[in-house]
Amino acid sequence: MVQSSIVVPSSSTRKRSLDLTNKAEKNSTADEEIKRPRLELNEAGKSRNKRLFGALLGTLNKFKDETEKTSEVDKNRREINEKLHEKLEKERRELSEKLRARREEKERKLEEENKLEREKEKLRELYRQEKLANFLVTETKPALYYLPEKLTDEMVLIIAKQKKEIRDQISLFESKDTDMNDPLPRDDEDTAMTDDEK
């Protein structure tokens, strides 16, 4: 029987051997580059080189032309995008202007409605005071309205004065505000009843 043994070289030995082979390869390629002789071309080689060089130039010119066409297409696309962007910006401005105008119109109408409501409320209050003018009022707070069964001359004068003042206020208000669409109708039945009570 034959005995064999395997010897594993150490890692440092292996590294050194690899370094030596790498250096040898580098030196040999450097020598080859330097030593490479210039080829002498015959007529067929020269025509082949011209043909290959022409094909290469044709490919480069074709790429250049395509790039120019692409740049023209890109330029056209950019112009179209700019026009679209301008159009969208214009539409956005018009829309915001319309919305602002609508909002202002809505606020104006709301203000008119509020003003009309305040005027109606004031007119209601005047009519309420006109009805209360048929009564005497205490000077205390809160005021109490009363009507005695028998009125003195002084009480009748006070009630007449109150009625005249409130009617003047109502006529002044109505003459000042002739634009009211829906003035509240006077309730003559209630005033007639209080006049009958005198």
N, C-alpha and C. Protein backbone atom coordinates (compact mmCIF):
# COMPACT_ATOMS: atom_id res chain seq x y z
N MET A 1 0.81 -1.16 0.00
CA MET A 1 0.00 0.00 0.00
C MET A 1 0.87 1.25 0.00
N VAL A 2 0.41 2.25 -0.74
CA VAL A 2 1.20 3.46 -0.86
C VAL A 2 0.59 4.51 0.05
N GLN A 3 1.49 5.08 0.76
CA GLN A 3 1.00 6.14 1.65
C GLN A 3 1.16 7.49 0.96
N SER A 4 0.17 8.30 1.13
CA SER A 4 0.27 9.64 0.56
C SER A 4 -0.06 10.66 1.64
N SER A 5 0.48 11.78 1.44
CA SER A 5 0.19 12.84 2.40
C SER A 5 -0.11 14.13 1.63
N ILE A 6 -0.96 14.91 2.20
CA ILE A 6 -1.35 16.17 1.56
C ILE A 6 -0.73 17.29 2.38
N VAL A 7 -0.02 18.12 1.71
CA VAL A 7 0.60 19.24 2.39
C VAL A 7 -0.13 20.50 1.94
N VAL A 8 -0.65 21.23 2.89
CA VAL A 8 -1.37 22.47 2.62
C VAL A 8 -0.41 23.61 2.88
N PRO A 9 -0.14 24.40 1.84
CA PRO A 9 0.78 25.51 2.07
C PRO A 9 0.13 26.55 2.98
N SER A 10 0.94 27.27 3.68
CA SER A 10 0.42 28.30 4.60
C SER A 10 -0.13 29.47 3.80
N SER A 11 -0.96 30.26 4.40
CA SER A 11 -1.62 31.36 3.69
C SER A 11 -0.61 32.41 3.22
N SER A 12 0.43 32.63 3.95
CA SER A 12 1.43 33.63 3.54
C SER A 12 2.17 33.17 2.30
N THR A 13 2.40 31.86 2.19
CA THR A 13 3.08 31.34 1.02
C THR A 13 2.17 31.48 -0.19
N ARG A 14 0.92 31.21 -0.01
CA ARG A 14 -0.03 31.31 -1.10
C ARG A 14 -0.14 32.76 -1.61
N LYS A 15 -0.16 33.71 -0.70
CA LYS A 15 -0.28 35.11 -1.08
C LYS A 15 0.93 35.54 -1.88
N ARG A 16 2.08 35.11 -1.45
CA ARG A 16 3.30 35.50 -2.15
C ARG A 16 3.29 34.94 -3.56
N SER A 17 2.84 33.70 -3.70
CA SER A 17 2.84 33.09 -5.03
C SER A 17 1.84 33.78 -5.95
N LEU A 18 0.68 34.19 -5.40
CA LEU A 18 -0.31 34.91 -6.19
C LEU A 18 0.23 36.26 -6.62
N ASP A 19 0.91 36.96 -5.72
CA ASP A 19 1.47 38.26 -6.04
C ASP A 19 2.50 38.13 -7.15
N LEU A 20 3.28 37.10 -7.11
CA LEU A 20 4.32 36.91 -8.12
C LEU A 20 3.70 36.64 -9.49
N THR A 21 2.64 35.82 -9.51
CA THR A 21 2.00 35.54 -10.80
C THR A 21 1.32 36.78 -11.36
N ASN A 22 0.69 37.60 -10.50
CA ASN A 22 0.04 38.84 -10.95
C ASN A 22 1.06 39.81 -11.53
N LYS A 23 2.22 39.91 -10.89
CA LYS A 23 3.27 40.80 -11.39
C LYS A 23 3.78 40.33 -12.73
N ALA A 24 3.92 39.05 -12.85
CA ALA A 24 4.42 38.50 -14.11
C ALA A 24 3.43 38.78 -15.24
N GLU A 25 2.14 38.62 -14.96
CA GLU A 25 1.13 38.87 -15.97
C GLU A 25 1.13 40.34 -16.39
N LYS A 26 1.26 41.26 -15.42
CA LYS A 26 1.27 42.68 -15.72
C LYS A 26 2.47 43.04 -16.58
N ASN A 27 3.60 42.49 -16.24
CA ASN A 27 4.80 42.79 -17.02
C ASN A 27 4.67 42.26 -18.44
N SER A 28 4.07 41.08 -18.59
CA SER A 28 3.96 40.50 -19.92
C SER A 28 2.99 41.29 -20.79
N THR A 29 1.85 41.80 -20.21
CA THR A 29 0.91 42.60 -21.00
C THR A 29 1.52 43.93 -21.36
N ALA A 30 2.28 44.52 -20.46
CA ALA A 30 2.94 45.79 -20.76
C ALA A 30 3.94 45.61 -21.88
N ASP A 31 4.67 44.48 -21.85
CA ASP A 31 5.65 44.21 -22.90
C ASP A 31 4.95 44.00 -24.24
N GLU A 32 3.78 43.32 -24.19
CA GLU A 32 3.06 43.05 -25.43
C GLU A 32 2.54 44.34 -26.07
N GLU A 33 2.05 45.27 -25.21
CA GLU A 33 1.53 46.52 -25.74
C GLU A 33 2.65 47.32 -26.40
N ILE A 34 3.72 47.31 -25.79
CA ILE A 34 4.84 48.06 -26.34
C ILE A 34 5.36 47.39 -27.61
N LYS A 35 5.37 46.11 -27.62
CA LYS A 35 5.97 45.37 -28.71
C LYS A 35 5.00 45.14 -29.87
N ARG A 36 3.76 45.53 -29.75
CA ARG A 36 2.79 45.21 -30.78
C ARG A 36 3.19 45.93 -32.07
N PRO A 37 3.39 45.19 -33.09
CA PRO A 37 3.83 45.81 -34.33
C PRO A 37 2.65 46.42 -35.07
N ARG A 38 2.94 47.39 -35.85
CA ARG A 38 1.90 48.05 -36.64
C ARG A 38 1.60 47.17 -37.83
N LEU A 39 0.33 46.99 -38.06
CA LEU A 39 -0.08 46.12 -39.15
C LEU A 39 0.07 46.84 -40.48
N GLU A 40 0.55 46.16 -41.38
CA GLU A 40 0.62 46.74 -42.71
C GLU A 40 -0.59 46.22 -43.47
N LEU A 41 -1.39 47.15 -43.89
CA LEU A 41 -2.65 46.77 -44.52
C LEU A 41 -2.50 46.74 -46.03
N ASN A 42 -3.14 45.76 -46.59
CA ASN A 42 -3.21 45.71 -48.04
C ASN A 42 -4.46 46.44 -48.51
N GLU A 43 -4.74 46.46 -49.74
CA GLU A 43 -5.86 47.18 -50.30
C GLU A 43 -7.19 46.69 -49.74
N ALA A 44 -7.35 45.40 -49.53
CA ALA A 44 -8.60 44.84 -48.99
C ALA A 44 -8.78 45.29 -47.54
N GLY A 45 -7.72 45.33 -46.77
CA GLY A 45 -7.80 45.76 -45.37
C GLY A 45 -8.17 47.23 -45.26
N LYS A 46 -7.57 48.03 -46.17
CA LYS A 46 -7.88 49.45 -46.15
C LYS A 46 -9.35 49.70 -46.50
N SER A 47 -9.85 49.02 -47.48
CA SER A 47 -11.27 49.20 -47.86
C SER A 47 -12.19 48.72 -46.73
N ARG A 48 -11.77 47.62 -46.08
CA ARG A 48 -12.56 47.11 -44.95
C ARG A 48 -12.60 48.14 -43.83
N ASN A 49 -11.47 48.72 -43.53
CA ASN A 49 -11.41 49.74 -42.47
C ASN A 49 -12.27 50.96 -42.84
N LYS A 50 -12.20 51.39 -44.09
CA LYS A 50 -13.02 52.52 -44.54
C LYS A 50 -14.50 52.20 -44.41
N ARG A 51 -14.84 50.97 -44.79
CA ARG A 51 -16.24 50.55 -44.71
C ARG A 51 -16.72 50.54 -43.25
N LEU A 52 -15.89 49.99 -42.36
CA LEU A 52 -16.27 49.95 -40.93
C LEU A 52 -16.34 51.36 -40.36
N PHE A 53 -15.37 52.20 -40.71
CA PHE A 53 -15.36 53.56 -40.22
C PHE A 53 -16.57 54.34 -40.75
N GLY A 54 -16.93 54.11 -42.00
CA GLY A 54 -18.12 54.73 -42.59
C GLY A 54 -19.39 54.28 -41.89
N ALA A 55 -19.45 52.97 -41.59
CA ALA A 55 -20.63 52.45 -40.88
C ALA A 55 -20.73 53.08 -39.49
N LEU A 56 -19.56 53.23 -38.82
CA LEU A 56 -19.54 53.84 -37.49
C LEU A 56 -19.98 55.30 -37.58
N LEU A 57 -19.45 56.04 -38.57
CA LEU A 57 -19.87 57.44 -38.74
C LEU A 57 -21.35 57.53 -39.09
N GLY A 58 -21.82 56.61 -39.93
CA GLY A 58 -23.25 56.60 -40.28
C GLY A 58 -24.11 56.38 -39.05
N THR A 59 -23.68 55.46 -38.19
CA THR A 59 -24.44 55.20 -36.96
C THR A 59 -24.44 56.44 -36.07
N LEU A 60 -23.27 57.08 -35.95
CA LEU A 60 -23.19 58.28 -35.12
C LEU A 60 -24.04 59.42 -35.70
N ASN A 61 -24.00 59.59 -37.01
CA ASN A 61 -24.81 60.64 -37.65
C ASN A 61 -26.30 60.35 -37.50
N LYS A 62 -26.64 59.07 -37.62
CA LYS A 62 -28.04 58.68 -37.44
C LYS A 62 -28.50 59.00 -36.02
N PHE A 63 -27.65 58.69 -35.05
CA PHE A 63 -27.98 58.99 -33.64
C PHE A 63 -28.11 60.49 -33.44
N LYS A 64 -27.19 61.26 -34.09
CA LYS A 64 -27.24 62.72 -33.98
C LYS A 64 -28.54 63.25 -34.58
N ASP A 65 -28.92 62.75 -35.74
CA ASP A 65 -30.18 63.18 -36.36
C ASP A 65 -31.38 62.84 -35.49
N GLU A 66 -31.39 61.62 -34.96
CA GLU A 66 -32.50 61.21 -34.08
C GLU A 66 -32.54 62.08 -32.83
N THR A 67 -31.37 62.42 -32.31
CA THR A 67 -31.32 63.28 -31.13
C THR A 67 -31.87 64.66 -31.47
N GLU A 68 -31.49 65.17 -32.66
CA GLU A 68 -32.02 66.48 -33.07
C GLU A 68 -33.53 66.41 -33.25
N LYS A 69 -34.01 65.33 -33.87
CA LYS A 69 -35.46 65.16 -34.04
C LYS A 69 -36.13 65.05 -32.68
N THR A 70 -35.49 64.27 -31.80
CA THR A 70 -36.03 64.11 -30.45
C THR A 70 -36.03 65.45 -29.73
N SER A 71 -34.95 66.23 -29.92
CA SER A 71 -34.91 67.52 -29.25
C SER A 71 -35.99 68.44 -29.82
N GLU A 72 -36.26 68.35 -31.14
CA GLU A 72 -37.36 69.13 -31.73
C GLU A 72 -38.70 68.67 -31.16
N VAL A 73 -38.86 67.35 -31.05
CA VAL A 73 -40.09 66.81 -30.46
C VAL A 73 -40.22 67.26 -29.02
N ASP A 74 -39.09 67.19 -28.28
CA ASP A 74 -39.10 67.65 -26.89
C ASP A 74 -39.43 69.14 -26.81
N LYS A 75 -38.85 69.90 -27.76
CA LYS A 75 -39.12 71.34 -27.79
C LYS A 75 -40.61 71.58 -28.03
N ASN A 76 -41.16 70.87 -29.01
CA ASN A 76 -42.61 71.00 -29.30
C ASN A 76 -43.43 70.58 -28.09
N ARG A 77 -43.01 69.49 -27.45
CA ARG A 77 -43.73 69.00 -26.27
C ARG A 77 -43.67 70.03 -25.15
N ARG A 78 -42.49 70.63 -24.96
CA ARG A 78 -42.35 71.67 -23.93
C ARG A 78 -43.24 72.87 -24.24
N GLU A 79 -43.27 73.27 -25.53
CA GLU A 79 -44.13 74.39 -25.91
C GLU A 79 -45.60 74.07 -25.64
N ILE A 80 -46.00 72.85 -25.99
CA ILE A 80 -47.39 72.43 -25.74
C ILE A 80 -47.67 72.42 -24.24
N ASN A 81 -46.72 71.88 -23.47
CA ASN A 81 -46.89 71.86 -22.01
C ASN A 81 -46.98 73.26 -21.43
N GLU A 82 -46.15 74.18 -21.96
CA GLU A 82 -46.21 75.56 -21.48
C GLU A 82 -47.56 76.19 -21.81
N LYS A 83 -48.04 75.94 -23.05
CA LYS A 83 -49.35 76.49 -23.43
C LYS A 83 -50.45 75.92 -22.53
N LEU A 84 -50.38 74.60 -22.29
CA LEU A 84 -51.38 73.99 -21.42
C LEU A 84 -51.30 74.55 -20.01
N HIS A 85 -50.07 74.73 -19.53
CA HIS A 85 -49.89 75.28 -18.19
C HIS A 85 -50.45 76.70 -18.10
N GLU A 86 -50.18 77.51 -19.14
CA GLU A 86 -50.73 78.87 -19.17
C GLU A 86 -52.25 78.84 -19.21
N LYS A 87 -52.80 77.93 -20.02
CA LYS A 87 -54.26 77.82 -20.13
C LYS A 87 -54.86 77.40 -18.79
N LEU A 88 -54.23 76.41 -18.14
CA LEU A 88 -54.73 75.97 -16.84
C LEU A 88 -54.62 77.08 -15.81
N GLU A 89 -53.52 77.83 -15.85
CA GLU A 89 -53.34 78.94 -14.91
C GLU A 89 -54.41 80.01 -15.15
N LYS A 90 -54.69 80.28 -16.43
CA LYS A 90 -55.73 81.26 -16.76
C LYS A 90 -57.09 80.78 -16.27
N GLU A 91 -57.41 79.50 -16.50
CA GLU A 91 -58.68 78.95 -16.04
C GLU A 91 -58.77 78.98 -14.51
N ARG A 92 -57.64 78.69 -13.84
CA ARG A 92 -57.63 78.72 -12.38
C ARG A 92 -57.89 80.15 -11.88
N ARG A 93 -57.26 81.14 -12.53
CA ARG A 93 -57.49 82.53 -12.14
C ARG A 93 -58.94 82.93 -12.37
N GLU A 94 -59.50 82.53 -13.54
CA GLU A 94 -60.89 82.86 -13.84
C GLU A 94 -61.83 82.21 -12.83
N LEU A 95 -61.54 80.94 -12.50
CA LEU A 95 -62.38 80.24 -11.53
C LEU A 95 -62.30 80.91 -10.16
N SER A 96 -61.09 81.25 -9.73
CA SER A 96 -60.96 81.91 -8.43
C SER A 96 -61.64 83.27 -8.45
N GLU A 97 -61.58 83.97 -9.59
CA GLU A 97 -62.26 85.26 -9.71
C GLU A 97 -63.78 85.07 -9.63
N LYS A 98 -64.29 84.04 -10.32
CA LYS A 98 -65.73 83.76 -10.25
C LYS A 98 -66.15 83.41 -8.83
N LEU A 99 -65.34 82.57 -8.17
CA LEU A 99 -65.67 82.20 -6.79
C LEU A 99 -65.65 83.42 -5.88
N ARG A 100 -64.67 84.30 -6.07
CA ARG A 100 -64.59 85.51 -5.26
C ARG A 100 -65.81 86.39 -5.52
N ALA A 101 -66.20 86.52 -6.80
CA ALA A 101 -67.37 87.33 -7.15
C ALA A 101 -68.64 86.73 -6.54
N ARG A 102 -68.75 85.41 -6.62
CA ARG A 102 -69.92 84.75 -6.01
C ARG A 102 -69.96 84.98 -4.51
N ARG A 103 -68.78 84.83 -3.87
CA ARG A 103 -68.71 85.01 -2.43
C ARG A 103 -69.09 86.44 -2.05
N GLU A 104 -68.58 87.42 -2.82
CA GLU A 104 -68.93 88.82 -2.55
C GLU A 104 -70.42 89.06 -2.76
N GLU A 105 -70.96 88.47 -3.83
CA GLU A 105 -72.40 88.62 -4.09
C GLU A 105 -73.23 88.00 -2.97
N LYS A 106 -72.78 86.83 -2.53
CA LYS A 106 -73.49 86.15 -1.44
C LYS A 106 -73.42 86.97 -0.15
N GLU A 107 -72.25 87.53 0.14
CA GLU A 107 -72.10 88.37 1.33
C GLU A 107 -72.96 89.62 1.22
N ARG A 108 -73.00 90.21 0.01
CA ARG A 108 -73.81 91.41 -0.19
C ARG A 108 -75.29 91.10 0.02
N LYS A 109 -75.74 89.97 -0.56
CA LYS A 109 -77.15 89.58 -0.38
C LYS A 109 -77.45 89.29 1.08
N LEU A 110 -76.52 88.62 1.74
CA LEU A 110 -76.72 88.32 3.16
C LEU A 110 -76.79 89.60 3.98
N GLU A 111 -75.94 90.57 3.64
CA GLU A 111 -75.97 91.85 4.35
C GLU A 111 -77.28 92.57 4.09
N GLU A 112 -77.76 92.52 2.84
CA GLU A 112 -79.05 93.15 2.52
C GLU A 112 -80.18 92.47 3.29
N GLU A 113 -80.14 91.13 3.33
CA GLU A 113 -81.17 90.40 4.07
C GLU A 113 -81.12 90.74 5.55
N ASN A 114 -79.91 90.83 6.10
CA ASN A 114 -79.77 91.19 7.52
C ASN A 114 -80.29 92.60 7.78
N LYS A 115 -79.97 93.52 6.85
CA LYS A 115 -80.46 94.89 7.00
C LYS A 115 -81.98 94.92 6.94
N LEU A 116 -82.54 94.18 5.98
CA LEU A 116 -83.99 94.12 5.85
C LEU A 116 -84.62 93.52 7.10
N GLU A 117 -83.99 92.47 7.61
CA GLU A 117 -84.51 91.83 8.83
C GLU A 117 -84.44 92.80 10.02
N ARG A 118 -83.35 93.56 10.12
CA ARG A 118 -83.25 94.55 11.22
C ARG A 118 -84.33 95.62 11.08
N GLU A 119 -84.57 96.06 9.83
CA GLU A 119 -85.61 97.06 9.62
C GLU A 119 -86.99 96.51 9.95
N LYS A 120 -87.23 95.28 9.55
CA LYS A 120 -88.52 94.66 9.88
C LYS A 120 -88.67 94.52 11.40
N GLU A 121 -87.60 94.15 12.04
CA GLU A 121 -87.64 94.00 13.50
C GLU A 121 -87.91 95.36 14.16
N LYS A 122 -87.28 96.39 13.63
CA LYS A 122 -87.52 97.74 14.19
C LYS A 122 -88.97 98.15 13.97
N LEU A 123 -89.50 97.84 12.78
CA LEU A 123 -90.89 98.17 12.49
C LEU A 123 -91.84 97.38 13.40
N ARG A 124 -91.54 96.11 13.59
CA ARG A 124 -92.34 95.31 14.54
C ARG A 124 -92.33 95.94 15.93
N GLU A 125 -91.14 96.37 16.34
CA GLU A 125 -91.03 96.99 17.66
C GLU A 125 -91.83 98.28 17.73
N LEU A 126 -91.80 99.05 16.65
CA LEU A 126 -92.60 100.29 16.64
C LEU A 126 -94.09 99.98 16.71
N TYR A 127 -94.54 98.96 15.97
CA TYR A 127 -95.96 98.58 16.04
C TYR A 127 -96.33 98.06 17.42
N ARG A 128 -95.41 97.34 18.03
CA ARG A 128 -95.66 96.85 19.39
C ARG A 128 -95.77 98.03 20.36
N GLN A 129 -94.88 99.01 20.18
CA GLN A 129 -94.93 100.19 21.03
C GLN A 129 -96.20 101.01 20.77
N GLU A 130 -96.66 100.98 19.51
CA GLU A 130 -97.91 101.68 19.19
C GLU A 130 -99.08 101.06 19.96
N LYS A 131 -99.09 99.75 20.04
CA LYS A 131 -100.14 99.07 20.79
C LYS A 131 -100.02 99.36 22.28
N LEU A 132 -98.76 99.41 22.75
CA LEU A 132 -98.55 99.68 24.17
C LEU A 132 -98.76 101.14 24.52
N ALA A 133 -98.80 102.01 23.52
CA ALA A 133 -99.01 103.43 23.78
C ALA A 133 -100.41 103.70 24.34
N ASN A 134 -101.31 102.74 24.22
CA ASN A 134 -102.67 102.88 24.75
C ASN A 134 -102.72 102.65 26.25
N PHE A 135 -101.56 102.31 26.82
CA PHE A 135 -101.50 102.03 28.25
C PHE A 135 -100.58 103.03 28.94
N LEU A 136 -100.77 103.14 30.23
CA LEU A 136 -99.86 103.95 31.03
C LEU A 136 -98.68 103.07 31.44
N VAL A 137 -97.52 103.71 31.68
CA VAL A 137 -96.30 102.96 31.99
C VAL A 137 -95.76 103.44 33.32
N THR A 138 -95.30 102.50 34.13
CA THR A 138 -94.65 102.88 35.39
C THR A 138 -93.22 103.30 35.10
N GLU A 139 -92.65 104.07 36.00
CA GLU A 139 -91.28 104.53 35.80
C GLU A 139 -90.27 103.53 36.36
N THR A 140 -90.73 102.48 36.95
CA THR A 140 -89.83 101.48 37.52
C THR A 140 -89.27 100.58 36.43
N LYS A 141 -88.24 99.87 36.79
CA LYS A 141 -87.65 98.89 35.86
C LYS A 141 -87.84 97.53 36.47
N PRO A 142 -88.32 96.56 35.79
CA PRO A 142 -88.93 96.62 34.47
C PRO A 142 -90.23 97.41 34.49
N ALA A 143 -90.53 98.01 33.37
CA ALA A 143 -91.72 98.87 33.26
C ALA A 143 -92.97 98.01 33.27
N LEU A 144 -93.97 98.51 33.93
CA LEU A 144 -95.28 97.84 33.97
C LEU A 144 -96.30 98.70 33.22
N TYR A 145 -97.09 98.04 32.39
CA TYR A 145 -98.11 98.72 31.63
C TYR A 145 -99.46 98.46 32.29
N TYR A 146 -100.23 99.53 32.42
CA TYR A 146 -101.54 99.37 33.07
C TYR A 146 -102.53 100.35 32.47
N LEU A 147 -103.80 100.05 32.67
CA LEU A 147 -104.86 100.94 32.18
C LEU A 147 -105.98 100.92 33.23
N PRO A 148 -106.09 102.02 33.95
CA PRO A 148 -107.15 102.06 34.97
C PRO A 148 -108.55 102.08 34.32
N GLU A 149 -109.53 101.70 35.10
CA GLU A 149 -110.89 101.66 34.56
C GLU A 149 -111.40 103.06 34.25
N LYS A 150 -111.07 104.00 35.12
CA LYS A 150 -111.46 105.39 34.89
C LYS A 150 -110.19 106.21 34.70
N LEU A 151 -110.12 106.91 33.59
CA LEU A 151 -108.94 107.70 33.28
C LEU A 151 -109.18 109.15 33.65
N THR A 152 -108.15 109.78 34.17
CA THR A 152 -108.22 111.22 34.45
C THR A 152 -107.81 111.96 33.18
N ASP A 153 -108.01 113.26 33.17
CA ASP A 153 -107.63 114.06 32.00
C ASP A 153 -106.12 113.99 31.77
N GLU A 154 -105.38 114.01 32.87
CA GLU A 154 -103.92 113.91 32.76
C GLU A 154 -103.50 112.59 32.12
N MET A 155 -104.14 111.49 32.50
CA MET A 155 -103.84 110.17 31.94
C MET A 155 -104.18 110.12 30.46
N VAL A 156 -105.29 110.74 30.08
CA VAL A 156 -105.69 110.76 28.67
C VAL A 156 -104.67 111.54 27.85
N LEU A 157 -104.18 112.65 28.39
CA LEU A 157 -103.16 113.44 27.69
C LEU A 157 -101.85 112.65 27.54
N ILE A 158 -101.47 111.91 28.58
CA ILE A 158 -100.24 111.09 28.51
C ILE A 158 -100.39 110.03 27.42
N ILE A 159 -101.53 109.36 27.39
CA ILE A 159 -101.75 108.32 26.37
C ILE A 159 -101.76 108.94 24.98
N ALA A 160 -102.40 110.08 24.82
CA ALA A 160 -102.44 110.75 23.51
C ALA A 160 -101.04 111.16 23.08
N LYS A 161 -100.26 111.68 24.03
CA LYS A 161 -98.88 112.07 23.72
C LYS A 161 -98.05 110.85 23.29
N GLN A 162 -98.22 109.74 24.01
CA GLN A 162 -97.49 108.51 23.66
C GLN A 162 -97.87 108.04 22.26
N LYS A 163 -99.17 108.06 21.94
CA LYS A 163 -99.64 107.65 20.61
C LYS A 163 -99.06 108.54 19.52
N LYS A 164 -99.08 109.86 19.76
CA LYS A 164 -98.56 110.80 18.76
C LYS A 164 -97.07 110.56 18.53
N GLU A 165 -96.29 110.37 19.58
CA GLU A 165 -94.84 110.14 19.45
C GLU A 165 -94.54 108.86 18.65
N ILE A 166 -95.28 107.81 18.97
CA ILE A 166 -95.01 106.54 18.29
C ILE A 166 -95.46 106.61 16.83
N ARG A 167 -96.57 107.30 16.55
CA ARG A 167 -97.00 107.45 15.15
C ARG A 167 -95.99 108.29 14.36
N ASP A 168 -95.44 109.31 14.99
CA ASP A 168 -94.40 110.12 14.33
C ASP A 168 -93.18 109.25 14.02
N GLN A 169 -92.80 108.42 14.95
CA GLN A 169 -91.64 107.53 14.73
C GLN A 169 -91.92 106.55 13.59
N ILE A 170 -93.14 106.00 13.56
CA ILE A 170 -93.50 105.04 12.49
C ILE A 170 -93.51 105.74 11.14
N SER A 171 -94.11 106.93 11.05
CA SER A 171 -94.16 107.64 9.76
C SER A 171 -92.75 108.04 9.32
N LEU A 172 -91.90 108.44 10.26
CA LEU A 172 -90.52 108.78 9.93
C LEU A 172 -89.79 107.54 9.41
N PHE A 173 -89.98 106.44 10.09
CA PHE A 173 -89.32 105.20 9.67
C PHE A 173 -89.80 104.75 8.29
N GLU A 174 -91.12 104.80 8.06
CA GLU A 174 -91.67 104.37 6.78
C GLU A 174 -91.26 105.31 5.65
N SER A 175 -91.19 106.60 5.92
CA SER A 175 -90.77 107.53 4.87
C SER A 175 -89.28 107.37 4.57
N LYS A 176 -88.50 107.06 5.57
CA LYS A 176 -87.06 106.87 5.37
C LYS A 176 -86.79 105.57 4.62
N ASP A 177 -87.59 104.57 4.88
CA ASP A 177 -87.34 103.25 4.29
C ASP A 177 -88.50 102.86 3.41
N THR A 178 -88.58 103.42 2.22
CA THR A 178 -89.66 103.09 1.28
C THR A 178 -89.32 101.86 0.46
N ASP A 179 -88.08 101.34 0.57
CA ASP A 179 -87.65 100.19 -0.22
C ASP A 179 -88.02 98.85 0.42
N MET A 180 -88.66 98.88 1.55
CA MET A 180 -88.96 97.60 2.21
C MET A 180 -89.95 96.82 1.35
N ASN A 181 -89.63 95.57 1.08
CA ASN A 181 -90.47 94.74 0.22
C ASN A 181 -91.74 94.29 0.92
N ASP A 182 -91.62 93.94 2.18
CA ASP A 182 -92.74 93.34 2.88
C ASP A 182 -92.94 94.03 4.23
N PRO A 183 -93.45 95.25 4.24
CA PRO A 183 -93.67 95.88 5.54
C PRO A 183 -94.76 95.14 6.29
N LEU A 184 -94.62 95.11 7.57
CA LEU A 184 -95.61 94.40 8.38
C LEU A 184 -96.91 95.20 8.40
N PRO A 185 -98.01 94.53 8.19
CA PRO A 185 -99.29 95.26 8.21
C PRO A 185 -99.63 95.66 9.64
N ARG A 186 -100.22 96.80 9.74
CA ARG A 186 -100.65 97.25 11.07
C ARG A 186 -101.86 96.44 11.48
N ASP A 187 -101.87 96.10 12.72
CA ASP A 187 -102.97 95.31 13.23
C ASP A 187 -104.00 96.27 13.83
N ASP A 188 -104.91 96.76 12.97
CA ASP A 188 -105.88 97.76 13.38
C ASP A 188 -106.92 97.20 14.34
N GLU A 189 -107.14 95.90 14.28
CA GLU A 189 -108.13 95.31 15.18
C GLU A 189 -107.72 95.45 16.64
N ASP A 190 -106.41 95.21 16.90
CA ASP A 190 -105.93 95.34 18.28
C ASP A 190 -106.00 96.78 18.75
N THR A 191 -105.66 97.72 17.92
CA THR A 191 -105.70 99.12 18.32
C THR A 191 -107.14 99.58 18.46
N ALA A 192 -108.03 99.02 17.65
CA ALA A 192 -109.44 99.39 17.74
C ALA A 192 -110.01 98.94 19.08
N MET A 193 -109.60 97.76 19.52
CA MET A 193 -110.10 97.26 20.80
C MET A 193 -109.62 98.14 21.94
N THR A 194 -108.38 98.55 21.89
CA THR A 194 -107.88 99.37 22.99
C THR A 194 -108.49 100.76 22.95
N ASP A 195 -108.80 101.26 21.73
CA ASP A 195 -109.47 102.56 21.64
C ASP A 195 -110.88 102.48 22.21
N ASP A 196 -111.52 101.34 22.03
CA ASP A 196 -112.88 101.18 22.55
C ASP A 196 -112.88 101.14 24.07
N GLU A 197 -111.78 100.66 24.63
CA GLU A 197 -111.73 100.55 26.09
C GLU A 197 -111.70 101.89 26.76
N LYS A 198 -111.27 102.94 26.04
CA LYS A 198 -111.22 104.28 26.63
C LYS A 198 -112.61 104.70 26.90
